Amino acid sequence: MTKAKMHLRGWAIMAALIAFSMQCAGATNAPVLSGSYRIVSTKDLGARIQVRINIRLVNHGPAAVAIGRITLWDLAQPTASQACALTLSAHGTLATEQEFVLERSEYEMWRGGMHPRVVLEMPPNNASPGGTRKAALRLTPAALQGVK
């Protein structure tokens, strides 16, 4: 093999490696989710409030997502958590109604315009072995997304 052919072959291998690494860099195990919420009912518990929330989740990704727990997350710490068994299909939507008890001050922040943040825990499955994965997302009011 001549030096020119070896040089050309080296460039071809380098280009293939760069293309492969760029393709791998774009792949991720994290689901692409968004969500909205609507408060269905509240119950005054003194310093705390029981809130029933309708949560609508949207999976923009190509694979189904199993959700084992939904946690409301305040600015610095978890506020309330609810175990569940939900499956959100690929490119699908899912509505679920969950009940949480939270501090009155947090509920008042929601009423003042701060939107709740949830952390979704996704147990490992055959498609994504390993530990439990988590996805955090800020829910928007359903009225802003045209959801009734």
Protein backbone atom coordinates (compact mmCIF):
# COMPACT_ATOMS: atom_id res chain seq x y z
CA MET A 1 0.00 0.00 0.00
CA THR A 2 1.40 3.39 -0.92
CA LYS A 3 1.79 6.28 1.52
CA ALA A 4 -0.99 8.23 -0.22
CA LYS A 5 -3.46 5.34 0.13
CA MET A 6 -2.50 4.84 3.79
CA HIS A 7 -2.94 8.57 4.41
CA LEU A 8 -6.35 8.54 2.69
CA ARG A 9 -7.40 5.43 4.60
CA GLY A 10 -6.39 7.10 7.89
CA TRP A 11 -8.56 10.13 7.08
CA ALA A 12 -11.50 7.87 6.19
CA ILE A 13 -11.21 6.02 9.52
CA MET A 14 -10.94 9.32 11.40
CA ALA A 15 -14.05 10.68 9.64
CA ALA A 16 -15.99 7.50 10.47
CA LEU A 17 -14.97 7.71 14.14
CA ILE A 18 -16.03 11.36 14.36
CA ALA A 19 -19.39 10.61 12.72
CA PHE A 20 -19.96 7.67 15.09
CA SER A 21 -19.07 9.70 18.18
CA MET A 22 -21.42 12.53 17.11
CA GLN A 23 -24.24 10.02 16.67
CA CYS A 24 -23.58 8.55 20.12
CA ALA A 25 -23.42 12.00 21.72
CA GLY A 26 -26.93 12.75 20.44
CA ALA A 27 -28.37 9.57 21.95
CA THR A 28 -29.58 9.73 25.52
CA ASN A 29 -31.50 7.56 27.95
CA ALA A 30 -33.39 10.51 29.38
CA PRO A 31 -37.00 10.69 28.22
CA VAL A 32 -38.30 13.89 26.69
CA LEU A 33 -41.33 14.75 28.78
CA SER A 34 -43.52 17.76 29.44
CA GLY A 35 -46.61 18.22 31.54
CA SER A 36 -49.45 20.40 32.67
CA TYR A 37 -51.65 20.43 35.75
CA ARG A 38 -55.10 21.44 36.91
CA ILE A 39 -56.18 21.61 40.54
CA VAL A 40 -59.31 19.49 40.92
CA SER A 41 -60.00 20.10 44.61
CA THR A 42 -58.45 21.30 47.85
CA LYS A 43 -59.15 20.53 51.49
CA ASP A 44 -58.01 22.82 54.31
CA LEU A 45 -56.00 20.93 56.94
CA GLY A 46 -54.88 23.96 58.97
CA ALA A 47 -51.21 24.67 58.23
CA ARG A 48 -51.34 22.15 55.38
CA ILE A 49 -53.59 21.67 52.38
CA GLN A 50 -54.69 18.45 50.70
CA VAL A 51 -54.64 19.02 46.94
CA ARG A 52 -56.06 16.75 44.27
CA ILE A 53 -54.27 17.49 40.99
CA ASN A 54 -54.97 16.33 37.47
CA ILE A 55 -51.58 15.92 35.80
CA ARG A 56 -51.29 15.51 32.04
CA LEU A 57 -47.94 14.15 30.86
CA VAL A 58 -46.70 14.16 27.27
CA ASN A 59 -43.94 11.84 26.02
CA HIS A 60 -42.20 13.38 23.02
CA GLY A 61 -39.76 10.47 22.80
CA PRO A 62 -39.74 7.31 20.66
CA ALA A 63 -39.98 4.84 23.59
CA ALA A 64 -42.60 4.15 26.25
CA VAL A 65 -41.85 5.38 29.77
CA ALA A 66 -42.88 3.55 32.95
CA ILE A 67 -43.38 5.78 35.99
CA GLY A 68 -43.27 4.31 39.50
CA ARG A 69 -43.45 7.45 41.65
CA ILE A 70 -44.42 11.10 41.32
CA THR A 71 -42.85 13.54 43.79
CA LEU A 72 -43.78 17.18 44.17
CA TRP A 73 -40.50 19.02 44.66
CA ASP A 74 -40.29 22.39 46.40
CA LEU A 75 -37.35 24.71 45.81
CA ALA A 76 -34.94 22.76 48.01
CA GLN A 77 -36.60 19.50 49.02
CA PRO A 78 -39.34 17.00 48.24
CA THR A 79 -42.73 18.23 49.39
CA ALA A 80 -44.93 15.16 48.90
CA SER A 81 -44.61 11.86 47.08
CA GLN A 82 -47.07 9.38 45.64
CA ALA A 83 -46.35 5.84 44.43
CA CYS A 84 -48.00 4.97 41.12
CA ALA A 85 -47.84 2.51 38.25
CA LEU A 86 -48.19 4.46 35.01
CA THR A 87 -47.01 3.76 31.48
CA LEU A 88 -46.69 6.64 29.07
CA SER A 89 -46.59 5.36 25.49
CA ALA A 90 -44.14 6.60 22.88
CA HIS A 91 -45.28 9.98 21.51
CA GLY A 92 -48.32 9.65 23.76
CA THR A 93 -50.16 11.52 26.47
CA LEU A 94 -51.45 10.36 29.81
CA ALA A 95 -53.71 12.01 32.36
CA THR A 96 -53.55 10.98 36.01
CA GLU A 97 -55.16 12.36 39.13
CA GLN A 98 -52.93 12.41 42.21
CA GLU A 99 -53.51 13.62 45.75
CA PHE A 100 -50.84 15.34 47.83
CA VAL A 101 -50.68 17.06 51.21
CA LEU A 102 -48.44 20.10 51.19
CA GLU A 103 -47.65 23.18 53.20
CA ARG A 104 -50.09 26.04 52.82
CA SER A 105 -47.20 28.36 51.90
CA GLU A 106 -46.29 26.21 48.88
CA TYR A 107 -49.90 26.12 47.72
CA GLU A 108 -50.04 29.92 48.04
CA MET A 109 -46.92 30.16 45.83
CA TRP A 110 -48.77 28.15 43.16
CA ARG A 111 -51.70 30.54 43.39
CA GLY A 112 -49.24 33.43 43.05
CA GLY A 113 -47.87 32.13 39.75
CA MET A 114 -45.13 29.67 40.72
CA HIS A 115 -45.70 26.37 38.93
CA PRO A 116 -45.20 23.04 40.69
CA ARG A 117 -42.21 20.90 39.79
CA VAL A 118 -42.47 17.13 39.79
CA VAL A 119 -39.82 14.44 39.79
CA LEU A 120 -40.85 11.27 37.98
CA GLU A 121 -39.11 8.08 39.06
CA MET A 122 -38.79 5.48 36.33
CA PRO A 123 -37.87 1.97 37.43
CA PRO A 124 -35.31 0.06 35.34
CA ASN A 125 -36.63 -2.15 32.56
CA ASN A 126 -35.25 -4.35 29.78
CA ALA A 127 -34.76 -1.36 27.45
CA SER A 128 -32.83 0.65 30.04
CA PRO A 129 -31.15 -1.60 32.61
CA GLY A 130 -29.54 -0.08 35.65
CA GLY A 131 -30.88 1.89 38.57
CA THR A 132 -33.99 4.00 38.84
CA ARG A 133 -33.93 7.00 36.51
CA LYS A 134 -35.48 10.35 37.40
CA ALA A 135 -36.84 13.18 35.29
CA ALA A 136 -37.70 16.58 36.75
CA LEU A 137 -40.15 18.85 35.01
CA ARG A 138 -41.99 22.06 35.75
CA LEU A 139 -45.72 21.67 35.17
CA THR A 140 -47.57 24.46 33.42
CA PRO A 141 -51.20 25.32 34.16
CA ALA A 142 -53.50 23.32 31.87
CA ALA A 143 -55.19 26.52 30.66
CA LEU A 144 -51.87 27.64 29.12
CA GLN A 145 -51.69 24.45 27.06
CA GLY A 146 -55.33 24.49 25.96
CA VAL A 147 -56.19 21.45 28.07
CA LYS A 148 -59.57 21.48 29.74
